[in-house]
All heavy atoms as atom14 arrays in JSON, in Angstrom:
{
  "sequence": "TKLLAQGAGMGMGWAVTKIYWSWELTQFHLIQNLIAPECSSAIRTALH",
  "atom14_mask": [
    [1, 1, 1, 1, 1, 1, 1, 0, 0, 0, 0, 0, 0, 0],
    [1, 1, 1, 1, 1, 1, 1, 1, 1, 0, 0, 0, 0, 0],
    [1, 1, 1, 1, 1, 1, 1, 1, 0, 0, 0, 0, 0, 0],
    [1, 1, 1, 1, 1, 1, 1, 1, 0, 0, 0, 0, 0, 0],
    [1, 1, 1, 1, 1, 0, 0, 0, 0, 0, 0, 0, 0, 0],
    [1, 1, 1, 1, 1, 1, 1, 1, 1, 0, 0, 0, 0, 0],
    [1, 1, 1, 1, 0, 0, 0, 0, 0, 0, 0, 0, 0, 0],
    [1, 1, 1, 1, 1, 0, 0, 0, 0, 0, 0, 0, 0, 0],
    [1, 1, 1, 1, 0, 0, 0, 0, 0, 0, 0, 0, 0, 0],
    [1, 1, 1, 1, 1, 1, 1, 1, 0, 0, 0, 0, 0, 0],
    [1, 1, 1, 1, 0, 0, 0, 0, 0, 0, 0, 0, 0, 0],
    [1, 1, 1, 1, 1, 1, 1, 1, 0, 0, 0, 0, 0, 0],
    [1, 1, 1, 1, 0, 0, 0, 0, 0, 0, 0, 0, 0, 0],
    [1, 1, 1, 1, 1, 1, 1, 1, 1, 1, 1, 1, 1, 1],
    [1, 1, 1, 1, 1, 0, 0, 0, 0, 0, 0, 0, 0, 0],
    [1, 1, 1, 1, 1, 1, 1, 0, 0, 0, 0, 0, 0, 0],
    [1, 1, 1, 1, 1, 1, 1, 0, 0, 0, 0, 0, 0, 0],
    [1, 1, 1, 1, 1, 1, 1, 1, 1, 0, 0, 0, 0, 0],
    [1, 1, 1, 1, 1, 1, 1, 1, 0, 0, 0, 0, 0, 0],
    [1, 1, 1, 1, 1, 1, 1, 1, 1, 1, 1, 1, 0, 0],
    [1, 1, 1, 1, 1, 1, 1, 1, 1, 1, 1, 1, 1, 1],
    [1, 1, 1, 1, 1, 1, 0, 0, 0, 0, 0, 0, 0, 0],
    [1, 1, 1, 1, 1, 1, 1, 1, 1, 1, 1, 1, 1, 1],
    [1, 1, 1, 1, 1, 1, 1, 1, 1, 0, 0, 0, 0, 0],
    [1, 1, 1, 1, 1, 1, 1, 1, 0, 0, 0, 0, 0, 0],
    [1, 1, 1, 1, 1, 1, 1, 0, 0, 0, 0, 0, 0, 0],
    [1, 1, 1, 1, 1, 1, 1, 1, 1, 0, 0, 0, 0, 0],
    [1, 1, 1, 1, 1, 1, 1, 1, 1, 1, 1, 0, 0, 0],
    [1, 1, 1, 1, 1, 1, 1, 1, 1, 1, 0, 0, 0, 0],
    [1, 1, 1, 1, 1, 1, 1, 1, 0, 0, 0, 0, 0, 0],
    [1, 1, 1, 1, 1, 1, 1, 1, 0, 0, 0, 0, 0, 0],
    [1, 1, 1, 1, 1, 1, 1, 1, 1, 0, 0, 0, 0, 0],
    [1, 1, 1, 1, 1, 1, 1, 1, 0, 0, 0, 0, 0, 0],
    [1, 1, 1, 1, 1, 1, 1, 1, 0, 0, 0, 0, 0, 0],
    [1, 1, 1, 1, 1, 1, 1, 1, 0, 0, 0, 0, 0, 0],
    [1, 1, 1, 1, 1, 0, 0, 0, 0, 0, 0, 0, 0, 0],
    [1, 1, 1, 1, 1, 1, 1, 0, 0, 0, 0, 0, 0, 0],
    [1, 1, 1, 1, 1, 1, 1, 1, 1, 0, 0, 0, 0, 0],
    [1, 1, 1, 1, 1, 1, 0, 0, 0, 0, 0, 0, 0, 0],
    [1, 1, 1, 1, 1, 1, 0, 0, 0, 0, 0, 0, 0, 0],
    [1, 1, 1, 1, 1, 1, 0, 0, 0, 0, 0, 0, 0, 0],
    [1, 1, 1, 1, 1, 0, 0, 0, 0, 0, 0, 0, 0, 0],
    [1, 1, 1, 1, 1, 1, 1, 1, 0, 0, 0, 0, 0, 0],
    [1, 1, 1, 1, 1, 1, 1, 1, 1, 1, 1, 0, 0, 0],
    [1, 1, 1, 1, 1, 1, 1, 0, 0, 0, 0, 0, 0, 0],
    [1, 1, 1, 1, 1, 0, 0, 0, 0, 0, 0, 0, 0, 0],
    [1, 1, 1, 1, 1, 1, 1, 1, 0, 0, 0, 0, 0, 0],
    [1, 1, 1, 1, 1, 1, 1, 1, 1, 1, 0, 0, 0, 0]
  ],
  "atom14_positions": [
    [[-2.74, -0.03, 11.96], [-3.34, -1.3, 11.55], [-3.08, -1.57, 10.08], [-2.78, -2.71, 9.68], [-4.85, -1.27, 11.82], [-5.09, -0.98, 13.2], [-5.48, -2.62, 11.49], [0.0, 0.0, 0.0], [0.0, 0.0, 0.0], [0.0, 0.0, 0.0], [0.0, 0.0, 0.0], [0.0, 0.0, 0.0], [0.0, 0.0, 0.0], [0.0, 0.0, 0.0]],
    [[-3.19, -0.54, 9.26], [-2.92, -0.7, 7.83], [-1.48, -1.12, 7.58], [-1.2, -2.0, 6.75], [-3.22, 0.61, 7.08], [-4.69, 0.95, 6.96], [-4.87, 2.26, 6.23], [-6.34, 2.65, 6.13], [-6.52, 3.94, 5.42], [0.0, 0.0, 0.0], [0.0, 0.0, 0.0], [0.0, 0.0, 0.0], [0.0, 0.0, 0.0], [0.0, 0.0, 0.0]],
    [[-0.54, -0.5, 8.3], [0.87, -0.84, 8.12], [1.14, -2.29, 8.52], [1.89, -3.0, 7.83], [1.74, 0.1, 8.93], [1.7, 1.58, 8.52], [2.6, 2.41, 9.43], [2.11, 1.76, 7.07], [0.0, 0.0, 0.0], [0.0, 0.0, 0.0], [0.0, 0.0, 0.0], [0.0, 0.0, 0.0], [0.0, 0.0, 0.0], [0.0, 0.0, 0.0]],
    [[0.53, -2.73, 9.61], [0.7, -4.14, 10.02], [0.11, -5.09, 8.99], [0.69, -6.13, 8.68], [0.05, -4.35, 11.39], [0.75, -3.68, 12.58], [-0.08, -3.86, 13.85], [2.15, -4.25, 12.79], [0.0, 0.0, 0.0], [0.0, 0.0, 0.0], [0.0, 0.0, 0.0], [0.0, 0.0, 0.0], [0.0, 0.0, 0.0], [0.0, 0.0, 0.0]],
    [[-1.08, -4.76, 8.47], [-1.72, -5.6, 7.47], [-0.89, -5.66, 6.19], [-0.77, -6.72, 5.55], [-3.12, -5.07, 7.17], [0.0, 0.0, 0.0], [0.0, 0.0, 0.0], [0.0, 0.0, 0.0], [0.0, 0.0, 0.0], [0.0, 0.0, 0.0], [0.0, 0.0, 0.0], [0.0, 0.0, 0.0], [0.0, 0.0, 0.0], [0.0, 0.0, 0.0]],
    [[-0.3, -4.54, 5.81], [0.55, -4.52, 4.61], [1.78, -5.39, 4.8], [2.16, -6.15, 3.9], [0.95, -3.08, 4.3], [-0.19, -2.22, 3.78], [0.1, -0.74, 3.83], [1.22, -0.33, 4.17], [-0.88, 0.08, 3.51], [0.0, 0.0, 0.0], [0.0, 0.0, 0.0], [0.0, 0.0, 0.0], [0.0, 0.0, 0.0], [0.0, 0.0, 0.0]],
    [[2.41, -5.29, 5.97], [3.57, -6.13, 6.23], [3.22, -7.61, 6.22], [3.96, -8.44, 5.65], [0.0, 0.0, 0.0], [0.0, 0.0, 0.0], [0.0, 0.0, 0.0], [0.0, 0.0, 0.0], [0.0, 0.0, 0.0], [0.0, 0.0, 0.0], [0.0, 0.0, 0.0], [0.0, 0.0, 0.0], [0.0, 0.0, 0.0], [0.0, 0.0, 0.0]],
    [[2.09, -7.97, 6.83], [1.66, -9.37, 6.86], [1.33, -9.86, 5.46], [1.68, -10.99, 5.07], [0.46, -9.53, 7.79], [0.0, 0.0, 0.0], [0.0, 0.0, 0.0], [0.0, 0.0, 0.0], [0.0, 0.0, 0.0], [0.0, 0.0, 0.0], [0.0, 0.0, 0.0], [0.0, 0.0, 0.0], [0.0, 0.0, 0.0], [0.0, 0.0, 0.0]],
    [[0.65, -9.03, 4.66], [0.3, -9.43, 3.3], [1.51, -9.61, 2.43], [1.6, -10.58, 1.65], [0.0, 0.0, 0.0], [0.0, 0.0, 0.0], [0.0, 0.0, 0.0], [0.0, 0.0, 0.0], [0.0, 0.0, 0.0], [0.0, 0.0, 0.0], [0.0, 0.0, 0.0], [0.0, 0.0, 0.0], [0.0, 0.0, 0.0], [0.0, 0.0, 0.0]],
    [[2.49, -8.72, 2.54], [3.72, -8.85, 1.75], [4.5, -10.1, 2.16], [5.01, -10.84, 1.31], [4.6, -7.61, 1.94], [4.0, -6.32, 1.38], [3.89, -6.32, -0.41], [3.18, -4.68, -0.68], [0.0, 0.0, 0.0], [0.0, 0.0, 0.0], [0.0, 0.0, 0.0], [0.0, 0.0, 0.0], [0.0, 0.0, 0.0], [0.0, 0.0, 0.0]],
    [[4.6, -10.34, 3.46], [5.31, -11.54, 3.92], [4.63, -12.82, 3.47], [5.3, -13.77, 3.02], [0.0, 0.0, 0.0], [0.0, 0.0, 0.0], [0.0, 0.0, 0.0], [0.0, 0.0, 0.0], [0.0, 0.0, 0.0], [0.0, 0.0, 0.0], [0.0, 0.0, 0.0], [0.0, 0.0, 0.0], [0.0, 0.0, 0.0], [0.0, 0.0, 0.0]],
    [[3.31, -12.86, 3.54], [2.56, -14.02, 3.08], [2.72, -14.2, 1.57], [2.88, -15.33, 1.08], [1.08, -13.85, 3.43], [0.2, -15.0, 2.96], [0.55, -16.55, 3.8], [-0.17, -16.2, 5.41], [0.0, 0.0, 0.0], [0.0, 0.0, 0.0], [0.0, 0.0, 0.0], [0.0, 0.0, 0.0], [0.0, 0.0, 0.0], [0.0, 0.0, 0.0]],
    [[2.7, -13.11, 0.82], [2.87, -13.2, -0.62], [4.22, -13.77, -1.0], [4.34, -14.59, -1.92], [0.0, 0.0, 0.0], [0.0, 0.0, 0.0], [0.0, 0.0, 0.0], [0.0, 0.0, 0.0], [0.0, 0.0, 0.0], [0.0, 0.0, 0.0], [0.0, 0.0, 0.0], [0.0, 0.0, 0.0], [0.0, 0.0, 0.0], [0.0, 0.0, 0.0]],
    [[5.27, -13.33, -0.29], [6.62, -13.85, -0.57], [6.69, -15.34, -0.28], [7.23, -16.12, -1.08], [7.64, -13.09, 0.28], [9.05, -13.52, 0.07], [9.9, -13.16, -0.93], [9.79, -14.43, 0.9], [11.12, -13.77, -0.78], [11.08, -14.56, 0.33], [9.49, -15.14, 2.06], [12.06, -15.37, 0.89], [10.47, -15.95, 2.62], [11.74, -16.06, 2.03]],
    [[6.12, -15.79, 0.85], [6.18, -17.21, 1.23], [5.39, -18.08, 0.25], [5.87, -19.15, -0.17], [5.64, -17.38, 2.65], [0.0, 0.0, 0.0], [0.0, 0.0, 0.0], [0.0, 0.0, 0.0], [0.0, 0.0, 0.0], [0.0, 0.0, 0.0], [0.0, 0.0, 0.0], [0.0, 0.0, 0.0], [0.0, 0.0, 0.0], [0.0, 0.0, 0.0]],
    [[4.2, -17.64, -0.14], [3.37, -18.44, -1.05], [4.01, -18.52, -2.43], [4.0, -19.58, -3.09], [1.96, -17.83, -1.15], [1.13, -18.52, -2.23], [1.24, -17.94, 0.2], [0.0, 0.0, 0.0], [0.0, 0.0, 0.0], [0.0, 0.0, 0.0], [0.0, 0.0, 0.0], [0.0, 0.0, 0.0], [0.0, 0.0, 0.0], [0.0, 0.0, 0.0]],
    [[4.61, -17.42, -2.9], [5.26, -17.43, -4.21], [6.46, -18.35, -4.21], [6.72, -19.04, -5.22], [5.68, -16.0, -4.61], [4.55, -15.13, -4.53], [6.23, -15.97, -6.02], [0.0, 0.0, 0.0], [0.0, 0.0, 0.0], [0.0, 0.0, 0.0], [0.0, 0.0, 0.0], [0.0, 0.0, 0.0], [0.0, 0.0, 0.0], [0.0, 0.0, 0.0]],
    [[7.2, -18.4, -3.13], [8.34, -19.33, -3.04], [7.86, -20.78, -3.15], [8.51, -21.61, -3.8], [9.08, -19.11, -1.73], [9.72, -17.74, -1.58], [10.97, -17.59, -2.42], [12.14, -18.3, -1.8], [13.4, -18.03, -2.55], [0.0, 0.0, 0.0], [0.0, 0.0, 0.0], [0.0, 0.0, 0.0], [0.0, 0.0, 0.0], [0.0, 0.0, 0.0]],
    [[6.74, -21.08, -2.51], [6.18, -22.44, -2.62], [5.76, -22.72, -4.06], [6.0, -23.81, -4.6], [5.0, -22.6, -1.65], [5.48, -22.49, -0.2], [4.28, -23.92, -1.87], [4.37, -22.48, 0.82], [0.0, 0.0, 0.0], [0.0, 0.0, 0.0], [0.0, 0.0, 0.0], [0.0, 0.0, 0.0], [0.0, 0.0, 0.0], [0.0, 0.0, 0.0]],
    [[5.12, -21.74, -4.69], [4.68, -21.91, -6.08], [5.88, -22.14, -6.99], [5.84, -23.0, -7.9], [3.89, -20.66, -6.49], [3.75, -20.46, -7.96], [2.96, -21.3, -8.73], [4.4, -19.39, -8.59], [2.82, -21.1, -10.11], [4.26, -19.17, -9.95], [3.48, -20.02, -10.7], [3.34, -19.82, -12.05], [0.0, 0.0, 0.0], [0.0, 0.0, 0.0]],
    [[6.96, -21.41, -6.78], [8.15, -21.61, -7.6], [8.76, -23.0, -7.38], [9.35, -23.57, -8.3], [9.19, -20.55, -7.28], [8.88, -19.21, -7.85], [7.98, -18.91, -8.84], [9.47, -17.96, -7.48], [7.97, -17.57, -9.11], [8.88, -16.95, -8.29], [10.44, -17.58, -6.54], [9.23, -15.61, -8.19], [10.79, -16.24, -6.45], [10.18, -15.27, -7.27]],
    [[8.64, -23.53, -6.18], [9.24, -24.84, -5.88], [8.59, -25.97, -6.68], [9.18, -27.04, -6.82], [9.12, -25.13, -4.38], [7.77, -25.33, -4.01], [0.0, 0.0, 0.0], [0.0, 0.0, 0.0], [0.0, 0.0, 0.0], [0.0, 0.0, 0.0], [0.0, 0.0, 0.0], [0.0, 0.0, 0.0], [0.0, 0.0, 0.0], [0.0, 0.0, 0.0]],
    [[7.4, -25.74, -7.22], [6.76, -26.75, -8.06], [7.41, -26.85, -9.44], [7.22, -27.84, -10.15], [5.27, -26.44, -8.23], [4.49, -26.47, -6.94], [4.89, -27.04, -5.77], [3.21, -25.89, -6.7], [3.92, -26.86, -4.8], [2.87, -26.16, -5.36], [2.3, -25.18, -7.48], [1.68, -25.73, -4.78], [1.11, -24.75, -6.91], [0.81, -25.03, -5.58]],
    [[8.14, -25.79, -9.84], [8.89, -25.77, -11.1], [8.01, -26.12, -12.29], [8.29, -27.03, -13.07], [10.1, -26.71, -11.01], [11.09, -26.29, -9.94], [12.32, -27.17, -9.88], [12.35, -28.19, -10.6], [13.24, -26.85, -9.1], [0.0, 0.0, 0.0], [0.0, 0.0, 0.0], [0.0, 0.0, 0.0], [0.0, 0.0, 0.0], [0.0, 0.0, 0.0]],
    [[6.94, -25.37, -12.44], [6.01, -25.6, -13.55], [6.6, -25.19, -14.89], [6.15, -25.66, -15.94], [4.71, -24.83, -13.3], [3.95, -25.2, -12.02], [2.69, -24.34, -11.89], [3.58, -26.68, -12.02], [0.0, 0.0, 0.0], [0.0, 0.0, 0.0], [0.0, 0.0, 0.0], [0.0, 0.0, 0.0], [0.0, 0.0, 0.0], [0.0, 0.0, 0.0]],
    [[7.58, -24.29, -14.87], [8.22, -23.85, -16.11], [9.74, -23.82, -15.92], [10.24, -23.94, -14.8], [7.74, -22.43, -16.51], [8.24, -21.48, -15.55], [6.23, -22.36, -16.55], [0.0, 0.0, 0.0], [0.0, 0.0, 0.0], [0.0, 0.0, 0.0], [0.0, 0.0, 0.0], [0.0, 0.0, 0.0], [0.0, 0.0, 0.0], [0.0, 0.0, 0.0]],
    [[10.43, -23.63, -17.03], [11.89, -23.49, -16.96], [12.28, -22.23, -16.19], [13.32, -22.21, -15.53], [12.49, -23.43, -18.37], [12.61, -24.78, -19.05], [13.4, -24.69, -20.34], [13.45, -23.64, -20.98], [14.01, -25.8, -20.74], [0.0, 0.0, 0.0], [0.0, 0.0, 0.0], [0.0, 0.0, 0.0], [0.0, 0.0, 0.0], [0.0, 0.0, 0.0]],
    [[11.45, -21.2, -16.27], [11.73, -19.98, -15.52], [11.82, -20.27, -14.03], [12.7, -19.76, -13.33], [10.63, -18.95, -15.77], [10.55, -18.45, -17.19], [9.37, -17.98, -17.71], [11.67, -18.45, -18.0], [9.29, -17.51, -19.01], [11.62, -17.98, -19.29], [10.42, -17.52, -19.8], [0.0, 0.0, 0.0], [0.0, 0.0, 0.0], [0.0, 0.0, 0.0]],
    [[10.89, -21.07, -13.53], [10.87, -21.38, -12.1], [12.07, -22.24, -11.72], [12.62, -22.08, -10.61], [9.57, -22.09, -11.74], [8.35, -21.27, -12.0], [7.11, -21.82, -12.26], [8.18, -19.92, -12.08], [6.22, -20.85, -12.45], [6.85, -19.7, -12.36], [0.0, 0.0, 0.0], [0.0, 0.0, 0.0], [0.0, 0.0, 0.0], [0.0, 0.0, 0.0]],
    [[12.46, -23.15, -12.59], [13.63, -23.97, -12.33], [14.88, -23.09, -12.2], [15.68, -23.24, -11.25], [13.82, -24.99, -13.44], [15.08, -25.85, -13.38], [15.1, -26.7, -12.11], [15.2, -26.74, -14.62], [0.0, 0.0, 0.0], [0.0, 0.0, 0.0], [0.0, 0.0, 0.0], [0.0, 0.0, 0.0], [0.0, 0.0, 0.0], [0.0, 0.0, 0.0]],
    [[15.05, -22.16, -13.13], [16.2, -21.27, -13.08], [16.12, -20.36, -11.85], [17.13, -20.1, -11.19], [16.28, -20.44, -14.37], [16.48, -21.36, -15.58], [17.4, -19.41, -14.29], [16.38, -20.64, -16.92], [0.0, 0.0, 0.0], [0.0, 0.0, 0.0], [0.0, 0.0, 0.0], [0.0, 0.0, 0.0], [0.0, 0.0, 0.0], [0.0, 0.0, 0.0]],
    [[14.93, -19.89, -11.55], [14.74, -19.02, -10.38], [15.14, -19.73, -9.1], [15.79, -19.14, -8.23], [13.29, -18.55, -10.31], [12.95, -17.71, -9.09], [13.69, -16.39, -9.07], [14.0, -15.83, -10.12], [13.97, -15.9, -7.88], [0.0, 0.0, 0.0], [0.0, 0.0, 0.0], [0.0, 0.0, 0.0], [0.0, 0.0, 0.0], [0.0, 0.0, 0.0]],
    [[14.77, -20.99, -8.97], [15.15, -21.74, -7.77], [16.65, -21.95, -7.67], [17.21, -22.01, -6.57], [14.43, -23.1, -7.76], [12.95, -22.98, -7.48], [12.5, -22.05, -6.82], [12.17, -23.92, -8.0], [0.0, 0.0, 0.0], [0.0, 0.0, 0.0], [0.0, 0.0, 0.0], [0.0, 0.0, 0.0], [0.0, 0.0, 0.0], [0.0, 0.0, 0.0]],
    [[17.32, -22.04, -8.81], [18.77, -22.23, -8.79], [19.5, -20.96, -8.38], [20.53, -21.03, -7.68], [19.25, -22.69, -10.18], [18.81, -24.09, -10.63], [19.26, -24.35, -12.06], [19.39, -25.16, -9.69], [0.0, 0.0, 0.0], [0.0, 0.0, 0.0], [0.0, 0.0, 0.0], [0.0, 0.0, 0.0], [0.0, 0.0, 0.0], [0.0, 0.0, 0.0]],
    [[18.99, -19.81, -8.8], [19.7, -18.55, -8.51], [19.18, -17.85, -7.26], [19.8, -16.91, -6.78], [19.61, -17.59, -9.71], [18.16, -17.15, -9.95], [20.19, -18.24, -10.96], [18.02, -16.13, -11.06], [0.0, 0.0, 0.0], [0.0, 0.0, 0.0], [0.0, 0.0, 0.0], [0.0, 0.0, 0.0], [0.0, 0.0, 0.0], [0.0, 0.0, 0.0]],
    [[18.05, -18.3, -6.73], [17.46, -17.62, -5.57], [18.38, -17.56, -4.36], [18.46, -16.5, -3.7], [16.14, -18.3, -5.2], [0.0, 0.0, 0.0], [0.0, 0.0, 0.0], [0.0, 0.0, 0.0], [0.0, 0.0, 0.0], [0.0, 0.0, 0.0], [0.0, 0.0, 0.0], [0.0, 0.0, 0.0], [0.0, 0.0, 0.0], [0.0, 0.0, 0.0]],
    [[19.09, -18.63, -3.99], [19.96, -18.54, -2.8], [21.09, -17.53, -2.95], [21.65, -17.07, -1.96], [20.52, -19.97, -2.67], [19.53, -20.84, -3.38], [19.05, -20.01, -4.52], [0.0, 0.0, 0.0], [0.0, 0.0, 0.0], [0.0, 0.0, 0.0], [0.0, 0.0, 0.0], [0.0, 0.0, 0.0], [0.0, 0.0, 0.0], [0.0, 0.0, 0.0]],
    [[21.44, -17.19, -4.19], [22.54, -16.25, -4.43], [22.03, -14.89, -4.9], [22.72, -14.19, -5.64], [23.48, -16.84, -5.48], [24.05, -18.2, -5.13], [24.9, -18.16, -3.87], [25.53, -17.1, -3.62], [24.96, -19.17, -3.16], [0.0, 0.0, 0.0], [0.0, 0.0, 0.0], [0.0, 0.0, 0.0], [0.0, 0.0, 0.0], [0.0, 0.0, 0.0]],
    [[20.82, -14.52, -4.5], [20.26, -13.26, -4.99], [21.13, -12.1, -4.49], [21.66, -12.12, -3.38], [18.82, -13.09, -4.53], [18.59, -12.73, -2.77], [0.0, 0.0, 0.0], [0.0, 0.0, 0.0], [0.0, 0.0, 0.0], [0.0, 0.0, 0.0], [0.0, 0.0, 0.0], [0.0, 0.0, 0.0], [0.0, 0.0, 0.0], [0.0, 0.0, 0.0]],
    [[21.26, -11.11, -5.34], [22.08, -9.95, -5.01], [21.2, -8.73, -4.8], [20.03, -8.71, -5.17], [23.09, -9.68, -6.14], [22.42, -9.48, -7.36], [0.0, 0.0, 0.0], [0.0, 0.0, 0.0], [0.0, 0.0, 0.0], [0.0, 0.0, 0.0], [0.0, 0.0, 0.0], [0.0, 0.0, 0.0], [0.0, 0.0, 0.0], [0.0, 0.0, 0.0]],
    [[21.78, -7.71, -4.22], [21.04, -6.49, -3.92], [20.52, -5.82, -5.19], [21.18, -5.83, -6.24], [21.96, -5.52, -3.15], [21.35, -4.26, -3.02], [0.0, 0.0, 0.0], [0.0, 0.0, 0.0], [0.0, 0.0, 0.0], [0.0, 0.0, 0.0], [0.0, 0.0, 0.0], [0.0, 0.0, 0.0], [0.0, 0.0, 0.0], [0.0, 0.0, 0.0]],
    [[19.35, -5.23, -5.09], [18.78, -4.49, -6.22], [19.41, -3.11, -6.36], [19.13, -2.4, -7.34], [17.27, -4.36, -6.04], [0.0, 0.0, 0.0], [0.0, 0.0, 0.0], [0.0, 0.0, 0.0], [0.0, 0.0, 0.0], [0.0, 0.0, 0.0], [0.0, 0.0, 0.0], [0.0, 0.0, 0.0], [0.0, 0.0, 0.0], [0.0, 0.0, 0.0]],
    [[20.25, -2.69, -5.4], [20.93, -1.4, -5.47], [22.15, -1.55, -6.36], [23.13, -2.19, -5.99], [21.33, -0.91, -4.07], [20.1, -0.8, -3.17], [22.04, 0.42, -4.15], [20.41, -0.46, -1.73], [0.0, 0.0, 0.0], [0.0, 0.0, 0.0], [0.0, 0.0, 0.0], [0.0, 0.0, 0.0], [0.0, 0.0, 0.0], [0.0, 0.0, 0.0]],
    [[22.1, -0.97, -7.54], [23.19, -1.11, -8.52], [23.86, 0.22, -8.83], [24.38, 0.42, -9.92], [22.63, -1.73, -9.81], [21.93, -3.07, -9.59], [21.44, -3.66, -10.89], [20.68, -4.87, -10.67], [19.36, -4.91, -10.54], [18.67, -3.78, -10.61], [18.73, -6.05, -10.34], [0.0, 0.0, 0.0], [0.0, 0.0, 0.0], [0.0, 0.0, 0.0]],
    [[23.87, 1.1, -7.87], [24.52, 2.4, -8.02], [24.98, 2.87, -6.65], [24.79, 2.15, -5.65], [23.55, 3.42, -8.65], [24.23, 4.64, -8.88], [22.35, 3.66, -7.76], [0.0, 0.0, 0.0], [0.0, 0.0, 0.0], [0.0, 0.0, 0.0], [0.0, 0.0, 0.0], [0.0, 0.0, 0.0], [0.0, 0.0, 0.0], [0.0, 0.0, 0.0]],
    [[25.6, 4.04, -6.59], [26.05, 4.57, -5.3], [24.87, 4.77, -4.37], [23.73, 5.03, -4.8], [26.78, 5.89, -5.51], [0.0, 0.0, 0.0], [0.0, 0.0, 0.0], [0.0, 0.0, 0.0], [0.0, 0.0, 0.0], [0.0, 0.0, 0.0], [0.0, 0.0, 0.0], [0.0, 0.0, 0.0], [0.0, 0.0, 0.0], [0.0, 0.0, 0.0]],
    [[25.13, 4.65, -3.06], [24.05, 4.65, -2.08], [23.26, 5.96, -2.11], [22.02, 5.95, -2.08], [24.62, 4.41, -0.68], [23.62, 3.99, 0.4], [22.96, 2.68, 0.04], [24.33, 3.87, 1.74], [0.0, 0.0, 0.0], [0.0, 0.0, 0.0], [0.0, 0.0, 0.0], [0.0, 0.0, 0.0], [0.0, 0.0, 0.0], [0.0, 0.0, 0.0]],
    [[23.95, 7.09, -2.15], [23.24, 8.37, -2.16], [22.44, 8.55, -3.44], [21.34, 9.11, -3.43], [24.24, 9.52, -1.99], [25.21, 9.67, -3.12], [26.36, 8.89, -3.22], [25.2, 10.49, -4.21], [27.02, 9.24, -4.32], [26.34, 10.19, -4.93], [0.0, 0.0, 0.0], [0.0, 0.0, 0.0], [0.0, 0.0, 0.0], [0.0, 0.0, 0.0]]
  ]
}
């Protein structure tokens, strides 16, 4: 139950934050919306 609740909370947090960014209250949010579709992997080294 905890694992399901954590997954639901994380998914909801991601969706709500995307909506908040879409309001573009700051220049940071404007830039974030421009680069969001082209986001790259956070893995910046060899897989192992």
